[in-house]
Amino acid sequence: GNLQELLEAGESPIHEPAFDPDPDDYVSWDYARGFLDGYE
């Protein structure tokens, strides 16, 4: 949604920290892109 908003409006929406996220449920964007590169 943020990427779509950036495409449509030219700016990212105002952001707020997530409510009590578990860091183990998230990966860095670099890791995600590396995973995708390896997969592809």
Full PDB file with SEQRES, HELIX, SHEET, SSBOND, CRYST1, ORIGX, SCALE, CONECT and MASTER records, all heavy atoms in Angstrom:
SEQRES   1 A   40  GLY ASN LEU GLN GLU LEU LEU GLU ALA GLY GLU SER PRO          
SEQRES   2 A   40  ILE HIS GLU PRO ALA PHE ASP PRO ASP PRO ASP ASP TYR          
SEQRES   3 A   40  VAL SER TRP ASP TYR ALA ARG GLY PHE LEU ASP GLY TYR          
SEQRES   4 A   40  GLU                                                          
HELIX    1 AA1 ASN A    2  ALA A    9  1                                   8    
HELIX    2 AA2 PRO A   23  ASP A   25  5                                   3    
HELIX    3 AA3 TRP A   29  TYR A   39  1                                  11    
CRYST1    1.000    1.000    1.000  90.00  90.00  90.00 P 1           1          
ORIGX1      1.000000  0.000000  0.000000        0.00000                         
ORIGX2      0.000000  1.000000  0.000000        0.00000                         
ORIGX3      0.000000  0.000000  1.000000        0.00000                         
SCALE1      1.000000  0.000000  0.000000        0.00000                         
SCALE2      0.000000  1.000000  0.000000        0.00000                         
SCALE3      0.000000  0.000000  1.000000        0.00000                         
ATOM      1  N   GLY A   1       0.815  -1.214   0.000  1.00  0.00           N  
ATOM      2  CA  GLY A   1       0.000   0.000   0.000  1.00  0.00           C  
ATOM      3  C   GLY A   1       0.850   1.265   0.000  1.00  0.00           C  
ATOM      4  O   GLY A   1       0.535   2.236  -0.698  1.00  0.00           O  
ATOM      5  N   ASN A   2       1.933   1.258   0.771  1.00  0.00           N  
ATOM      6  CA  ASN A   2       2.822   2.424   0.797  1.00  0.00           C  
ATOM      7  C   ASN A   2       3.485   2.647  -0.557  1.00  0.00           C  
ATOM      8  O   ASN A   2       3.613   3.793  -1.015  1.00  0.00           O  
ATOM      9  CB  ASN A   2       3.890   2.265   1.880  1.00  0.00           C  
ATOM     10  CG  ASN A   2       3.357   2.489   3.272  1.00  0.00           C  
ATOM     11  OD1 ASN A   2       2.205   2.868   3.461  1.00  0.00           O  
ATOM     12  ND2 ASN A   2       4.191   2.240   4.262  1.00  0.00           N  
ATOM     13  N   LEU A   3       3.913   1.568  -1.195  1.00  0.00           N  
ATOM     14  CA  LEU A   3       4.520   1.699  -2.523  1.00  0.00           C  
ATOM     15  C   LEU A   3       3.501   2.215  -3.537  1.00  0.00           C  
ATOM     16  O   LEU A   3       3.819   3.069  -4.380  1.00  0.00           O  
ATOM     17  CB  LEU A   3       5.097   0.355  -2.979  1.00  0.00           C  
ATOM     18  CG  LEU A   3       6.327  -0.134  -2.222  1.00  0.00           C  
ATOM     19  CD1 LEU A   3       6.632  -1.586  -2.584  1.00  0.00           C  
ATOM     20  CD2 LEU A   3       7.521   0.765  -2.492  1.00  0.00           C  
ATOM     21  N   GLN A   4       2.274   1.708  -3.453  1.00  0.00           N  
ATOM     22  CA  GLN A   4       1.213   2.163  -4.361  1.00  0.00           C  
ATOM     23  C   GLN A   4       0.925   3.652  -4.140  1.00  0.00           C  
ATOM     24  O   GLN A   4       0.781   4.400  -5.092  1.00  0.00           O  
ATOM     25  CB  GLN A   4      -0.050   1.327  -4.156  1.00  0.00           C  
ATOM     26  CG  GLN A   4      -1.090   1.534  -5.212  1.00  0.00           C  
ATOM     27  CD  GLN A   4      -0.616   1.085  -6.586  1.00  0.00           C  
ATOM     28  OE1 GLN A   4      -0.038   0.009  -6.748  1.00  0.00           O  
ATOM     29  NE2 GLN A   4      -0.844   1.914  -7.586  1.00  0.00           N  
ATOM     30  N   GLU A   5       0.866   4.067  -2.890  1.00  0.00           N  
ATOM     31  CA  GLU A   5       0.640   5.472  -2.558  1.00  0.00           C  
ATOM     32  C   GLU A   5       1.768   6.347  -3.093  1.00  0.00           C  
ATOM     33  O   GLU A   5       1.531   7.426  -3.636  1.00  0.00           O  
ATOM     34  CB  GLU A   5       0.530   5.637  -1.036  1.00  0.00           C  
ATOM     35  CG  GLU A   5       0.430   7.058  -0.564  1.00  0.00           C  
ATOM     36  CD  GLU A   5      -0.997   7.545  -0.440  1.00  0.00           C  
ATOM     37  OE1 GLU A   5      -1.922   6.724  -0.527  1.00  0.00           O  
ATOM     38  OE2 GLU A   5      -1.171   8.754  -0.264  1.00  0.00           O  
ATOM     39  N   LEU A   6       2.978   5.869  -2.980  1.00  0.00           N  
ATOM     40  CA  LEU A   6       4.124   6.606  -3.497  1.00  0.00           C  
ATOM     41  C   LEU A   6       4.036   6.751  -5.011  1.00  0.00           C  
ATOM     42  O   LEU A   6       4.314   7.819  -5.557  1.00  0.00           O  
ATOM     43  CB  LEU A   6       5.418   5.895  -3.089  1.00  0.00           C  
ATOM     44  CG  LEU A   6       6.740   6.574  -3.388  1.00  0.00           C  
ATOM     45  CD1 LEU A   6       6.786   7.981  -2.801  1.00  0.00           C  
ATOM     46  CD2 LEU A   6       7.896   5.746  -2.847  1.00  0.00           C  
ATOM     47  N   LEU A   7       3.599   5.690  -5.674  1.00  0.00           N  
ATOM     48  CA  LEU A   7       3.413   5.759  -7.137  1.00  0.00           C  
ATOM     49  C   LEU A   7       2.314   6.741  -7.526  1.00  0.00           C  
ATOM     50  O   LEU A   7       2.464   7.508  -8.477  1.00  0.00           O  
ATOM     51  CB  LEU A   7       3.061   4.377  -7.691  1.00  0.00           C  
ATOM     52  CG  LEU A   7       4.207   3.498  -8.124  1.00  0.00           C  
ATOM     53  CD1 LEU A   7       3.701   2.097  -8.427  1.00  0.00           C  
ATOM     54  CD2 LEU A   7       4.931   4.077  -9.317  1.00  0.00           C  
ATOM     55  N   GLU A   8       1.204   6.698  -6.806  1.00  0.00           N  
ATOM     56  CA  GLU A   8       0.048   7.522  -7.172  1.00  0.00           C  
ATOM     57  C   GLU A   8       0.180   8.970  -6.729  1.00  0.00           C  
ATOM     58  O   GLU A   8      -0.161   9.881  -7.483  1.00  0.00           O  
ATOM     59  CB  GLU A   8      -1.219   6.904  -6.581  1.00  0.00           C  
ATOM     60  CG  GLU A   8      -1.579   5.574  -7.214  1.00  0.00           C  
ATOM     61  CD  GLU A   8      -2.701   4.853  -6.493  1.00  0.00           C  
ATOM     62  OE1 GLU A   8      -3.269   5.405  -5.521  1.00  0.00           O  
ATOM     63  OE2 GLU A   8      -3.003   3.715  -6.889  1.00  0.00           O  
ATOM     64  N   ALA A   9       0.651   9.192  -5.514  1.00  0.00           N  
ATOM     65  CA  ALA A   9       0.678  10.546  -4.966  1.00  0.00           C  
ATOM     66  C   ALA A   9       2.067  11.176  -5.003  1.00  0.00           C  
ATOM     67  O   ALA A   9       2.198  12.369  -4.768  1.00  0.00           O  
ATOM     68  CB  ALA A   9       0.155  10.536  -3.526  1.00  0.00           C  
ATOM     69  N   GLY A  10       3.080  10.359  -5.249  1.00  0.00           N  
ATOM     70  CA  GLY A  10       4.430  10.893  -5.293  1.00  0.00           C  
ATOM     71  C   GLY A  10       5.079  11.022  -3.930  1.00  0.00           C  
ATOM     72  O   GLY A  10       6.184  11.540  -3.818  1.00  0.00           O  
ATOM     73  N   GLU A  11       4.384  10.588  -2.875  1.00  0.00           N  
ATOM     74  CA  GLU A  11       4.972  10.624  -1.538  1.00  0.00           C  
ATOM     75  C   GLU A  11       4.419   9.483  -0.702  1.00  0.00           C  
ATOM     76  O   GLU A  11       3.324   8.988  -0.946  1.00  0.00           O  
ATOM     77  CB  GLU A  11       4.701  11.959  -0.852  1.00  0.00           C  
ATOM     78  CG  GLU A  11       3.226  12.270  -0.660  1.00  0.00           C  
ATOM     79  CD  GLU A  11       2.989  13.664  -0.088  1.00  0.00           C  
ATOM     80  OE1 GLU A  11       3.904  14.489  -0.100  1.00  0.00           O  
ATOM     81  OE2 GLU A  11       1.877  13.910   0.373  1.00  0.00           O  
ATOM     82  N   SER A  12       5.227   9.086   0.268  1.00  0.00           N  
ATOM     83  CA  SER A  12       4.805   8.014   1.171  1.00  0.00           C  
ATOM     84  C   SER A  12       3.852   8.579   2.208  1.00  0.00           C  
ATOM     85  O   SER A  12       3.987   9.728   2.620  1.00  0.00           O  
ATOM     86  CB  SER A  12       6.006   7.426   1.909  1.00  0.00           C  
ATOM     87  OG  SER A  12       6.807   6.701   1.023  1.00  0.00           O  
ATOM     88  N   PRO A  13       2.916   7.769   2.666  1.00  0.00           N  
ATOM     89  CA  PRO A  13       2.033   8.227   3.728  1.00  0.00           C  
ATOM     90  C   PRO A  13       2.833   8.431   5.018  1.00  0.00           C  
ATOM     91  O   PRO A  13       3.908   7.867   5.199  1.00  0.00           O  
ATOM     92  CB  PRO A  13       1.017   7.098   3.885  1.00  0.00           C  
ATOM     93  CG  PRO A  13       1.577   5.938   3.168  1.00  0.00           C  
ATOM     94  CD  PRO A  13       2.615   6.423   2.222  1.00  0.00           C  
ATOM     95  N   ILE A  14       2.291   9.240   5.900  1.00  0.00           N  
ATOM     96  CA  ILE A  14       2.929   9.437   7.197  1.00  0.00           C  
ATOM     97  C   ILE A  14       2.968   8.092   7.901  1.00  0.00           C  
ATOM     98  O   ILE A  14       2.010   7.321   7.853  1.00  0.00           O  
ATOM     99  CB  ILE A  14       2.156  10.476   8.034  1.00  0.00           C  
ATOM    100  CG1 ILE A  14       2.239  11.830   7.339  1.00  0.00           C  
ATOM    101  CG2 ILE A  14       2.693  10.536   9.445  1.00  0.00           C  
ATOM    102  CD1 ILE A  14       1.417  12.917   7.994  1.00  0.00           C  
ATOM    103  N   HIS A  15       4.077   7.827   8.537  1.00  0.00           N  
ATOM    104  CA  HIS A  15       4.234   6.511   9.147  1.00  0.00           C  
ATOM    105  C   HIS A  15       4.286   6.609  10.659  1.00  0.00           C  
ATOM    106  O   HIS A  15       4.668   7.614  11.221  1.00  0.00           O  
ATOM    107  CB  HIS A  15       5.504   5.840   8.635  1.00  0.00           C  
ATOM    108  CG  HIS A  15       6.734   6.667   8.838  1.00  0.00           C  
ATOM    109  ND1 HIS A  15       7.150   7.589   7.925  1.00  0.00           N  
ATOM    110  CD2 HIS A  15       7.617   6.725   9.860  1.00  0.00           C  
ATOM    111  CE1 HIS A  15       8.248   8.182   8.364  1.00  0.00           C  
ATOM    112  NE2 HIS A  15       8.561   7.684   9.535  1.00  0.00           N  
ATOM    113  N   GLU A  16       3.851   5.517  11.250  1.00  0.00           N  
ATOM    114  CA  GLU A  16       3.920   5.376  12.699  1.00  0.00           C  
ATOM    115  C   GLU A  16       4.492   3.995  12.971  1.00  0.00           C  
ATOM    116  O   GLU A  16       4.272   3.068  12.197  1.00  0.00           O  
ATOM    117  CB  GLU A  16       2.527   5.484  13.323  1.00  0.00           C  
ATOM    118  CG  GLU A  16       1.913   6.850  13.182  1.00  0.00           C  
ATOM    119  CD  GLU A  16       0.539   6.924  13.853  1.00  0.00           C  
ATOM    120  OE1 GLU A  16       0.257   6.069  14.700  1.00  0.00           O  
ATOM    121  OE2 GLU A  16      -0.216   7.824  13.509  1.00  0.00           O  
ATOM    122  N   PRO A  17       5.205   3.859  14.073  1.00  0.00           N  
ATOM    123  CA  PRO A  17       5.741   2.528  14.396  1.00  0.00           C  
ATOM    124  C   PRO A  17       4.600   1.520  14.574  1.00  0.00           C  
ATOM    125  O   PRO A  17       3.516   1.869  15.018  1.00  0.00           O  
ATOM    126  CB  PRO A  17       6.480   2.745  15.717  1.00  0.00           C  
ATOM    127  CG  PRO A  17       6.719   4.219  15.796  1.00  0.00           C  
ATOM    128  CD  PRO A  17       5.603   4.868  15.021  1.00  0.00           C  
ATOM    129  N   ALA A  18       4.893   0.278  14.197  1.00  0.00           N  
ATOM    130  CA  ALA A  18       3.900  -0.784  14.357  1.00  0.00           C  
ATOM    131  C   ALA A  18       3.637  -1.016  15.838  1.00  0.00           C  
ATOM    132  O   ALA A  18       4.482  -0.752  16.685  1.00  0.00           O  
ATOM    133  CB  ALA A  18       4.409  -2.065  13.710  1.00  0.00           C  
ATOM    134  N   PHE A  19       2.459  -1.511  16.131  1.00  0.00           N  
ATOM    135  CA  PHE A  19       2.077  -1.792  17.512  1.00  0.00           C  
ATOM    136  C   PHE A  19       2.663  -3.128  17.932  1.00  0.00           C  
ATOM    137  O   PHE A  19       2.250  -4.178  17.448  1.00  0.00           O  
ATOM    138  CB  PHE A  19       0.552  -1.802  17.652  1.00  0.00           C  
ATOM    139  CG  PHE A  19       0.100  -2.116  19.046  1.00  0.00           C  
ATOM    140  CD1 PHE A  19       0.220  -1.169  20.053  1.00  0.00           C  
ATOM    141  CD2 PHE A  19      -0.416  -3.355  19.363  1.00  0.00           C  
ATOM    142  CE1 PHE A  19      -0.184  -1.453  21.343  1.00  0.00           C  
ATOM    143  CE2 PHE A  19      -0.824  -3.656  20.650  1.00  0.00           C  
ATOM    144  CZ  PHE A  19      -0.706  -2.694  21.644  1.00  0.00           C  
ATOM    145  N   ASP A  20       3.640  -3.104  18.802  1.00  0.00           N  
ATOM    146  CA  ASP A  20       4.238  -4.277  19.419  1.00  0.00           C  
ATOM    147  C   ASP A  20       4.541  -5.411  18.432  1.00  0.00           C  
ATOM    148  O   ASP A  20       4.088  -6.544  18.624  1.00  0.00           O  
ATOM    149  CB  ASP A  20       3.319  -4.775  20.535  1.00  0.00           C  
ATOM    150  CG  ASP A  20       4.047  -5.687  21.504  1.00  0.00           C  
ATOM    151  OD1 ASP A  20       5.283  -5.571  21.628  1.00  0.00           O  
ATOM    152  OD2 ASP A  20       3.368  -6.516  22.140  1.00  0.00           O  
ATOM    153  N   PRO A  21       5.331  -5.143  17.367  1.00  0.00           N  
ATOM    154  CA  PRO A  21       5.639  -6.218  16.412  1.00  0.00           C  
ATOM    155  C   PRO A  21       6.654  -7.192  17.003  1.00  0.00           C  
ATOM    156  O   PRO A  21       7.464  -6.830  17.856  1.00  0.00           O  
ATOM    157  CB  PRO A  21       6.257  -5.462  15.240  1.00  0.00           C  
ATOM    158  CG  PRO A  21       6.898  -4.272  15.870  1.00  0.00           C  
ATOM    159  CD  PRO A  21       5.983  -3.893  17.011  1.00  0.00           C  
ATOM    160  N   ASP A  22       6.589  -8.423  16.563  1.00  0.00           N  
ATOM    161  CA  ASP A  22       7.592  -9.416  16.940  1.00  0.00           C  
ATOM    162  C   ASP A  22       8.680  -9.375  15.864  1.00  0.00           C  
ATOM    163  O   ASP A  22       8.432  -9.768  14.721  1.00  0.00           O  
ATOM    164  CB  ASP A  22       6.967 -10.805  17.015  1.00  0.00           C  
ATOM    165  CG  ASP A  22       7.961 -11.874  17.435  1.00  0.00           C  
ATOM    166  OD1 ASP A  22       9.180 -11.590  17.504  1.00  0.00           O  
ATOM    167  OD2 ASP A  22       7.512 -12.998  17.707  1.00  0.00           O  
ATOM    168  N   PRO A  23       9.871  -8.877  16.188  1.00  0.00           N  
ATOM    169  CA  PRO A  23      10.932  -8.761  15.186  1.00  0.00           C  
ATOM    170  C   PRO A  23      11.258 -10.067  14.474  1.00  0.00           C  
ATOM    171  O   PRO A  23      11.732 -10.044  13.340  1.00  0.00           O  
ATOM    172  CB  PRO A  23      12.142  -8.263  15.994  1.00  0.00           C  
ATOM    173  CG  PRO A  23      11.557  -7.606  17.184  1.00  0.00           C  
ATOM    174  CD  PRO A  23      10.296  -8.370  17.502  1.00  0.00           C  
ATOM    175  N   ASP A  24      10.988 -11.194  15.111  1.00  0.00           N  
ATOM    176  CA  ASP A  24      11.252 -12.484  14.471  1.00  0.00           C  
ATOM    177  C   ASP A  24      10.321 -12.758  13.293  1.00  0.00           C  
ATOM    178  O   ASP A  24      10.581 -13.659  12.493  1.00  0.00           O  
ATOM    179  CB  ASP A  24      11.134 -13.628  15.483  1.00  0.00           C  
ATOM    180  CG  ASP A  24      12.245 -13.594  16.522  1.00  0.00           C  
ATOM    181  OD1 ASP A  24      13.314 -12.993  16.251  1.00  0.00           O  
ATOM    182  OD2 ASP A  24      12.042 -14.156  17.614  1.00  0.00           O  
ATOM    183  N   ASP A  25       9.241 -11.991  13.189  1.00  0.00           N  
ATOM    184  CA  ASP A  25       8.280 -12.174  12.101  1.00  0.00           C  
ATOM    185  C   ASP A  25       8.623 -11.343  10.870  1.00  0.00           C  
ATOM    186  O   ASP A  25       7.884 -11.369   9.878  1.00  0.00           O  
ATOM    187  CB  ASP A  25       6.871 -11.790  12.562  1.00  0.00           C  
ATOM    188  CG  ASP A  25       6.313 -12.740  13.604  1.00  0.00           C  
ATOM    189  OD1 ASP A  25       6.841 -13.867  13.733  1.00  0.00           O  
ATOM    190  OD2 ASP A  25       5.354 -12.355  14.291  1.00  0.00           O  
ATOM    191  N   TYR A  26       9.729 -10.591  10.928  1.00  0.00           N  
ATOM    192  CA  TYR A  26      10.089  -9.673   9.845  1.00  0.00           C  
ATOM    193  C   TYR A  26      11.537  -9.895   9.438  1.00  0.00           C  
ATOM    194  O   TYR A  26      12.364 -10.298  10.247  1.00  0.00           O  
ATOM    195  CB  TYR A  26       9.892  -8.218  10.294  1.00  0.00           C  
ATOM    196  CG  TYR A  26       8.453  -7.895  10.597  1.00  0.00           C  
ATOM    197  CD1 TYR A  26       7.889  -8.221  11.828  1.00  0.00           C  
ATOM    198  CD2 TYR A  26       7.642  -7.295   9.648  1.00  0.00           C  
ATOM    199  CE1 TYR A  26       6.566  -7.951  12.113  1.00  0.00           C  
ATOM    200  CE2 TYR A  26       6.311  -7.025   9.915  1.00  0.00           C  
ATOM    201  CZ  TYR A  26       5.784  -7.359  11.146  1.00  0.00           C  
ATOM    202  OH  TYR A  26       4.467  -7.101  11.410  1.00  0.00           O  
ATOM    203  N   VAL A  27      11.813  -9.635   8.178  1.00  0.00           N  
ATOM    204  CA  VAL A  27      13.183  -9.708   7.667  1.00  0.00           C  
ATOM    205  C   VAL A  27      13.549  -8.360   7.087  1.00  0.00           C  
ATOM    206  O   VAL A  27      12.667  -7.563   6.718  1.00  0.00           O  
ATOM    207  CB  VAL A  27      13.336 -10.804   6.587  1.00  0.00           C  
ATOM    208  CG1 VAL A  27      13.127 -12.190   7.185  1.00  0.00           C  
ATOM    209  CG2 VAL A  27      12.418 -10.580   5.400  1.00  0.00           C  
ATOM    210  N   SER A  28      14.829  -8.089   6.985  1.00  0.00           N  
ATOM    211  CA  SER A  28      15.245  -6.833   6.366  1.00  0.00           C  
ATOM    212  C   SER A  28      14.911  -6.868   4.877  1.00  0.00           C  
ATOM    213  O   SER A  28      14.794  -7.946   4.277  1.00  0.00           O  
ATOM    214  CB  SER A  28      16.751  -6.616   6.564  1.00  0.00           C  
ATOM    215  OG  SER A  28      17.490  -7.524   5.763  1.00  0.00           O  
ATOM    216  N   TRP A  29      14.779  -5.699   4.293  1.00  0.00           N  
ATOM    217  CA  TRP A  29      14.489  -5.626   2.856  1.00  0.00           C  
ATOM    218  C   TRP A  29      15.650  -6.243   2.082  1.00  0.00           C  
ATOM    219  O   TRP A  29      15.444  -6.914   1.074  1.00  0.00           O  
ATOM    220  CB  TRP A  29      14.231  -4.184   2.442  1.00  0.00           C  
ATOM    221  CG  TRP A  29      13.844  -4.049   1.009  1.00  0.00           C  
ATOM    222  CD1 TRP A  29      14.534  -3.382   0.037  1.00  0.00           C  
ATOM    223  CD2 TRP A  29      12.679  -4.576   0.352  1.00  0.00           C  
ATOM    224  NE1 TRP A  29      13.878  -3.479  -1.169  1.00  0.00           N  
ATOM    225  CE2 TRP A  29      12.739  -4.207  -0.995  1.00  0.00           C  
ATOM    226  CE3 TRP A  29      11.602  -5.341   0.791  1.00  0.00           C  
ATOM    227  CZ2 TRP A  29      11.759  -4.557  -1.921  1.00  0.00           C  
ATOM    228  CZ3 TRP A  29      10.620  -5.706  -0.138  1.00  0.00           C  
ATOM    229  CH2 TRP A  29      10.713  -5.312  -1.467  1.00  0.00           C  
ATOM    230  N   ASP A  30      16.881  -6.039   2.541  1.00  0.00           N  
ATOM    231  CA  ASP A  30      18.041  -6.631   1.864  1.00  0.00           C  
ATOM    232  C   ASP A  30      17.954  -8.157   1.877  1.00  0.00           C  
ATOM    233  O   ASP A  30      18.230  -8.817   0.878  1.00  0.00           O  
ATOM    234  CB  ASP A  30      19.350  -6.188   2.520  1.00  0.00           C  
ATOM    235  CG  ASP A  30      19.689  -4.740   2.226  1.00  0.00           C  
ATOM    236  OD1 ASP A  30      19.152  -4.182   1.245  1.00  0.00           O  
ATOM    237  OD2 ASP A  30      20.498  -4.163   2.981  1.00  0.00           O  
ATOM    238  N   TYR A  31      17.576  -8.724   3.023  1.00  0.00           N  
ATOM    239  CA  TYR A  31      17.416 -10.168   3.105  1.00  0.00           C  
ATOM    240  C   TYR A  31      16.312 -10.631   2.144  1.00  0.00           C  
ATOM    241  O   TYR A  31      16.483 -11.604   1.406  1.00  0.00           O  
ATOM    242  CB  TYR A  31      17.074 -10.616   4.532  1.00  0.00           C  
ATOM    243  CG  TYR A  31      16.783 -12.095   4.606  1.00  0.00           C  
ATOM    244  CD1 TYR A  31      17.802 -13.003   4.826  1.00  0.00           C  
ATOM    245  CD2 TYR A  31      15.483 -12.586   4.408  1.00  0.00           C  
ATOM    246  CE1 TYR A  31      17.546 -14.373   4.874  1.00  0.00           C  
ATOM    247  CE2 TYR A  31      15.222 -13.943   4.443  1.00  0.00           C  
ATOM    248  CZ  TYR A  31      16.250 -14.828   4.676  1.00  0.00           C  
ATOM    249  OH  TYR A  31      15.988 -16.176   4.696  1.00  0.00           O  
ATOM    250  N   ALA A  32      15.185  -9.931   2.170  1.00  0.00           N  
ATOM    251  CA  ALA A  32      14.057 -10.310   1.313  1.00  0.00           C  
ATOM    252  C   ALA A  32      14.451 -10.278  -0.154  1.00  0.00           C  
ATOM    253  O   ALA A  32      14.140 -11.200  -0.910  1.00  0.00           O  
ATOM    254  CB  ALA A  32      12.865  -9.388   1.575  1.00  0.00           C  
ATOM    255  N   ARG A  33      15.146  -9.226  -0.570  1.00  0.00           N  
ATOM    256  CA  ARG A  33      15.580  -9.126  -1.972  1.00  0.00           C  
ATOM    257  C   ARG A  33      16.586 -10.207  -2.314  1.00  0.00           C  
ATOM    258  O   ARG A  33      16.545 -10.787  -3.395  1.00  0.00           O  
ATOM    259  CB  ARG A  33      16.167  -7.737  -2.252  1.00  0.00           C  
ATOM    260  CG  ARG A  33      15.183  -6.589  -2.182  1.00  0.00           C  
ATOM    261  CD  ARG A  33      14.044  -6.708  -3.191  1.00  0.00           C  
ATOM    262  NE  ARG A  33      14.479  -6.823  -4.544  1.00  0.00           N  
ATOM    263  CZ  ARG A  33      14.589  -5.830  -5.407  1.00  0.00           C  
ATOM    264  NH1 ARG A  33      14.294  -4.605  -5.045  1.00  0.00           N  
ATOM    265  NH2 ARG A  33      14.994  -6.046  -6.632  1.00  0.00           N  
ATOM    266  N   GLY A  34      17.492 -10.510  -1.381  1.00  0.00           N  
ATOM    267  CA  GLY A  34      18.451 -11.587  -1.612  1.00  0.00           C  
ATOM    268  C   GLY A  34      17.757 -12.934  -1.744  1.00  0.00           C  
ATOM    269  O   GLY A  34      18.109 -13.751  -2.601  1.00  0.00           O  
ATOM    270  N   PHE A  35      16.776 -13.178  -0.897  1.00  0.00           N  
ATOM    271  CA  PHE A  35      15.995 -14.412  -0.971  1.00  0.00           C  
ATOM    272  C   PHE A  35      15.325 -14.514  -2.338  1.00  0.00           C  
ATOM    273  O   PHE A  35      15.371 -15.552  -2.993  1.00  0.00           O  
ATOM    274  CB  PHE A  35      14.941 -14.435   0.135  1.00  0.00           C  
ATOM    275  CG  PHE A  35      14.093 -15.675   0.132  1.00  0.00           C  
ATOM    276  CD1 PHE A  35      14.477 -16.794   0.854  1.00  0.00           C  
ATOM    277  CD2 PHE A  35      12.907 -15.720  -0.602  1.00  0.00           C  
ATOM    278  CE1 PHE A  35      13.691 -17.943   0.849  1.00  0.00           C  
ATOM    279  CE2 PHE A  35      12.129 -16.864  -0.618  1.00  0.00           C  
ATOM    280  CZ  PHE A  35      12.524 -17.977   0.107  1.00  0.00           C  
ATOM    281  N   LEU A  36      14.716 -13.416  -2.769  1.00  0.00           N  
ATOM    282  CA  LEU A  36      14.022 -13.405  -4.049  1.00  0.00           C  
ATOM    283  C   LEU A  36      14.994 -13.608  -5.206  1.00  0.00           C  
ATOM    284  O   LEU A  36      14.706 -14.371  -6.129  1.00  0.00           O  
ATOM    285  CB  LEU A  36      13.260 -12.084  -4.214  1.00  0.00           C  
ATOM    286  CG  LEU A  36      12.333 -11.976  -5.402  1.00  0.00           C  
ATOM    287  CD1 LEU A  36      11.299 -13.087  -5.409  1.00  0.00           C  
ATOM    288  CD2 LEU A  36      11.642 -10.616  -5.389  1.00  0.00           C  
ATOM    289  N   ASP A  37      16.152 -12.963  -5.146  1.00  0.00           N  
ATOM    290  CA  ASP A  37      17.158 -13.153  -6.197  1.00  0.00           C  
ATOM    291  C   ASP A  37      17.583 -14.614  -6.289  1.00  0.00           C  
ATOM    292  O   ASP A  37      17.700 -15.168  -7.378  1.00  0.00           O  
ATOM    293  CB  ASP A  37      18.380 -12.269  -5.951  1.00  0.00           C  
ATOM    294  CG  ASP A  37      18.110 -10.802  -6.223  1.00  0.00           C  
ATOM    295  OD1 ASP A  37      17.100 -10.484  -6.884  1.00  0.00           O  
ATOM    296  OD2 ASP A  37      18.920  -9.962  -5.767  1.00  0.00           O  
ATOM    297  N   GLY A  38      17.811 -15.227  -5.122  1.00  0.00           N  
ATOM    298  CA  GLY A  38      18.191 -16.632  -5.114  1.00  0.00           C  
ATOM    299  C   GLY A  38      17.084 -17.524  -5.646  1.00  0.00           C  
ATOM    300  O   GLY A  38      17.328 -18.445  -6.426  1.00  0.00           O  
ATOM    301  N   TYR A  39      15.864 -17.234  -5.246  1.00  0.00           N  
ATOM    302  CA  TYR A  39      14.712 -18.017  -5.696  1.00  0.00           C  
ATOM    303  C   TYR A  39      14.551 -17.929  -7.212  1.00  0.00           C  
ATOM    304  O   TYR A  39      14.323 -18.932  -7.879  1.00  0.00           O  
ATOM    305  CB  TYR A  39      13.450 -17.519  -4.997  1.00  0.00           C  
ATOM    306  CG  TYR A  39      12.201 -18.240  -5.423  1.00  0.00           C  
ATOM    307  CD1 TYR A  39      11.873 -19.463  -4.857  1.00  0.00           C  
ATOM    308  CD2 TYR A  39      11.356 -17.700  -6.388  1.00  0.00           C  
ATOM    309  CE1 TYR A  39      10.727 -20.140  -5.250  1.00  0.00           C  
ATOM    310  CE2 TYR A  39      10.213 -18.369  -6.779  1.00  0.00           C  
ATOM    311  CZ  TYR A  39       9.904 -19.584  -6.218  1.00  0.00           C  
ATOM    312  OH  TYR A  39       8.780 -20.242  -6.619  1.00  0.00           O  
ATOM    313  N   GLU A  40      14.697 -16.716  -7.736  1.00  0.00           N  
ATOM    314  CA  GLU A  40      14.487 -16.510  -9.170  1.00  0.00           C  
ATOM    315  C   GLU A  40      15.651 -17.005 -10.016  1.00  0.00           C  
ATOM    316  O   GLU A  40      15.498 -17.200 -11.212  1.00  0.00           O  
ATOM    317  CB  GLU A  40      14.213 -15.035  -9.451  1.00  0.00           C  
ATOM    318  CG  GLU A  40      12.870 -14.589  -8.925  1.00  0.00           C  
ATOM    319  CD  GLU A  40      12.601 -13.110  -9.101  1.00  0.00           C  
ATOM    320  OE1 GLU A  40      13.556 -12.332  -9.322  1.00  0.00           O  
ATOM    321  OE2 GLU A  40      11.423 -12.728  -9.015  1.00  0.00           O  
TER     322      GLU A  40                                                      
MASTER        0    0    0    3    0    0    0    6  321    1    0    4          
END                                                                             
